[in-house]
Amino acid sequence: IRAAPAQFPASPLRAYVRPVEPQAALPAMRPLYDRWRQGRTGPLLRDDWWWQTRVLRGGYEGVTFTPPGGDEPEGYMVFTVP
């Protein structure tokens, strides 16, 4: 999607979103993706090549979401900023 941050509604959950470098967050992102993918028929299994080529090739930024009281992220988003 293309949207300015001001276009999104304010949420108290934003306090739990943290910017990350995708390379540093990859160990947390991969299991999240795999858990989300289970039981679905559309999402593909992603191997090391895919993560290295598509996500970590550069030009991407990312955020993780760790809920209150949590130790590990429960969500992530990878994006580019034009």
Protein backbone atom coordinates (compact mmCIF):
# COMPACT_ATOMS: atom_id res chain seq x y z
CA ILE A 1 0.00 0.00 0.00
CA ARG A 2 1.06 3.58 -0.37
CA ALA A 3 0.06 5.76 2.54
CA ALA A 4 1.54 8.46 4.71
CA PRO A 5 1.75 7.65 8.42
CA ALA A 6 -0.73 10.43 9.14
CA GLN A 7 -3.36 8.53 7.15
CA PHE A 8 -3.47 5.69 9.68
CA PRO A 9 -5.64 5.91 12.79
CA ALA A 10 -3.89 6.39 16.11
CA SER A 11 -3.64 3.25 18.21
CA PRO A 12 -2.37 2.59 21.73
CA LEU A 13 -0.67 -0.52 20.31
CA ARG A 14 1.82 1.69 18.44
CA ALA A 15 3.82 1.89 21.68
CA TYR A 16 4.84 -1.75 21.09
CA VAL A 17 6.08 -1.32 17.52
CA ARG A 18 9.83 -0.97 17.15
CA PRO A 19 11.93 -0.25 14.07
CA VAL A 20 14.46 -2.96 13.26
CA GLU A 21 16.95 -3.86 10.61
CA PRO A 22 15.54 -6.88 8.76
CA GLN A 23 18.93 -8.65 8.95
CA ALA A 24 18.94 -8.39 12.74
CA ALA A 25 15.27 -9.38 13.05
CA LEU A 26 15.40 -12.35 10.66
CA PRO A 27 15.73 -14.99 13.42
CA ALA A 28 12.42 -13.74 14.88
CA MET A 29 10.69 -13.07 11.54
CA ARG A 30 11.10 -16.51 9.99
CA PRO A 31 9.30 -18.49 12.75
CA LEU A 32 6.51 -15.89 12.77
CA TYR A 33 6.00 -16.33 9.05
CA ASP A 34 6.07 -20.13 9.34
CA ARG A 35 3.49 -20.14 12.15
CA TRP A 36 1.22 -17.80 10.19
CA ARG A 37 1.58 -19.92 7.03
CA GLN A 38 0.51 -23.17 8.70
CA GLY A 39 -3.01 -24.27 7.85
CA ARG A 40 -3.25 -21.93 4.85
CA THR A 41 -3.20 -23.00 1.22
CA GLY A 42 -1.74 -19.88 -0.45
CA PRO A 43 1.46 -18.88 1.39
CA LEU A 44 4.62 -20.59 0.24
CA LEU A 45 7.39 -22.21 2.23
CA ARG A 46 10.32 -19.77 2.15
CA ASP A 47 13.87 -21.10 2.11
CA ASP A 48 17.16 -19.38 2.96
CA TRP A 49 17.60 -18.20 -0.63
CA TRP A 50 14.24 -16.40 -0.58
CA TRP A 51 14.90 -14.59 2.69
CA GLN A 52 18.41 -13.56 1.61
CA THR A 53 17.41 -12.49 -1.92
CA ARG A 54 13.99 -10.98 -1.39
CA VAL A 55 14.05 -9.56 2.13
CA LEU A 56 17.69 -8.93 3.00
CA ARG A 57 19.02 -7.76 -0.35
CA GLY A 58 18.85 -4.17 0.82
CA GLY A 59 16.56 -1.21 0.54
CA TYR A 60 14.06 -2.56 3.04
CA GLU A 61 13.17 -1.32 6.48
CA GLY A 62 11.16 -3.15 9.08
CA VAL A 63 9.27 -3.05 12.33
CA THR A 64 8.36 -5.67 14.89
CA PHE A 65 5.44 -5.80 17.30
CA THR A 66 6.05 -7.12 20.82
CA PRO A 67 2.91 -6.98 22.97
CA PRO A 68 2.95 -5.71 26.55
CA GLY A 69 4.71 -8.16 28.81
CA GLY A 70 6.05 -10.15 25.87
CA ASP A 71 9.67 -11.09 25.37
CA GLU A 72 9.54 -12.02 21.70
CA PRO A 73 7.95 -10.26 18.71
CA GLU A 74 4.51 -11.50 17.65
CA GLY A 75 4.45 -9.69 14.33
CA TYR A 76 6.58 -7.88 11.80
CA MET A 77 6.39 -5.82 8.65
CA VAL A 78 9.06 -5.25 6.01
CA PHE A 79 8.69 -2.30 3.66
CA THR A 80 10.43 0.18 1.38
CA VAL A 81 10.14 3.92 1.60
CA PRO A 82 10.16 5.58 -1.84
